[in-house]
Amino acid sequence: MKIYDYDGKKNICGKRIKEARNKQGLTQSDLAAQLQVSGIIIERDSISRIEIGTRFVADYELKELSRILKVSVTWLLGID
């Protein structure tokens, strides 16, 4: 599967994921652990890559990230 870049990044939500994570007082490891409990197998380094925009984010990951971080999917996407 070919994953395209958008404005030089593989996602548009990384910056807001980092912002929401920091606001919740979570480390990247904490966030990865909560995602794993939800059934999404992801490591801390993947969270780092998401936040800097070098990793694609699947829709099901985005949905679970929004729930854990207590923000809307639209906010994570920069729509709100």
Protein backbone atom coordinates (compact mmCIF):
# COMPACT_ATOMS: atom_id res chain seq x y z
CA MET A 1 0.00 0.00 0.00
CA LYS A 2 1.35 3.40 -0.94
CA ILE A 3 0.97 6.04 1.74
CA TYR A 4 1.17 9.57 0.45
CA ASP A 5 2.53 12.62 2.15
CA TYR A 6 0.38 15.65 2.87
CA ASP A 7 2.41 18.80 3.19
CA GLY A 8 5.49 16.66 3.83
CA LYS A 9 3.86 14.59 6.59
CA LYS A 10 2.11 11.24 6.79
CA ASN A 11 -0.63 12.62 9.06
CA ILE A 12 -2.21 15.94 10.00
CA CYS A 13 -3.11 15.04 13.57
CA GLY A 14 0.30 14.48 15.18
CA LYS A 15 0.77 17.99 16.51
CA ARG A 16 -2.66 17.98 18.16
CA ILE A 17 -2.17 14.47 19.55
CA LYS A 18 0.98 15.71 21.27
CA GLU A 19 -0.81 18.82 22.54
CA ALA A 20 -3.74 16.80 23.96
CA ARG A 21 -1.40 14.17 25.43
CA ASN A 22 0.61 16.83 27.25
CA LYS A 23 -2.58 18.51 28.47
CA GLN A 24 -3.69 15.18 29.96
CA GLY A 25 -0.27 14.76 31.61
CA LEU A 26 0.44 11.51 29.75
CA THR A 27 3.81 10.32 28.53
CA GLN A 28 4.12 8.66 25.13
CA SER A 29 4.49 5.35 26.98
CA ASP A 30 1.30 6.02 28.96
CA LEU A 31 -0.61 6.72 25.76
CA ALA A 32 0.76 3.61 24.06
CA ALA A 33 -0.23 1.51 27.10
CA GLN A 34 -3.78 2.87 27.07
CA LEU A 35 -4.07 2.14 23.35
CA GLN A 36 -2.81 -1.40 23.96
CA VAL A 37 -5.44 -1.94 26.66
CA SER A 38 -8.01 -0.87 24.04
CA GLY A 39 -6.71 -3.52 21.65
CA ILE A 40 -4.51 -1.33 19.46
CA ILE A 41 -1.01 -2.74 19.47
CA ILE A 42 1.34 0.22 19.32
CA GLU A 43 4.67 1.05 20.95
CA ARG A 44 6.01 4.30 22.40
CA ASP A 45 8.22 4.91 19.37
CA SER A 46 5.14 4.76 17.13
CA ILE A 47 3.52 7.51 19.23
CA SER A 48 6.67 9.57 18.74
CA ARG A 49 6.55 9.02 14.98
CA ILE A 50 2.86 9.95 14.88
CA GLU A 51 3.55 13.18 16.75
CA ILE A 52 6.35 14.23 14.39
CA GLY A 53 4.31 13.23 11.35
CA THR A 54 6.38 10.33 10.03
CA ARG A 55 3.76 7.62 10.71
CA PHE A 56 0.35 7.17 9.15
CA VAL A 57 -2.61 7.09 11.56
CA ALA A 58 -5.43 4.66 10.78
CA ASP A 59 -9.01 5.77 11.28
CA TYR A 60 -9.59 3.26 14.09
CA GLU A 61 -6.45 4.57 15.84
CA LEU A 62 -7.67 8.15 15.49
CA LYS A 63 -11.05 7.22 16.99
CA GLU A 64 -9.42 5.56 20.00
CA LEU A 65 -6.88 8.38 20.42
CA SER A 66 -9.72 10.90 20.57
CA ARG A 67 -11.49 8.85 23.27
CA ILE A 68 -8.36 8.43 25.40
CA LEU A 69 -7.28 12.06 25.00
CA LYS A 70 -10.83 13.36 25.61
CA VAL A 71 -10.97 15.42 22.42
CA SER A 72 -12.99 15.07 19.24
CA VAL A 73 -11.70 13.46 16.07
CA THR A 74 -12.47 16.71 14.26
CA TRP A 75 -10.30 18.63 16.73
CA LEU A 76 -7.44 16.17 16.18
CA LEU A 77 -7.81 16.73 12.43
CA GLY A 78 -7.72 20.52 12.87
CA ILE A 79 -11.31 20.99 11.73
CA ASP A 80 -12.57 22.48 15.02
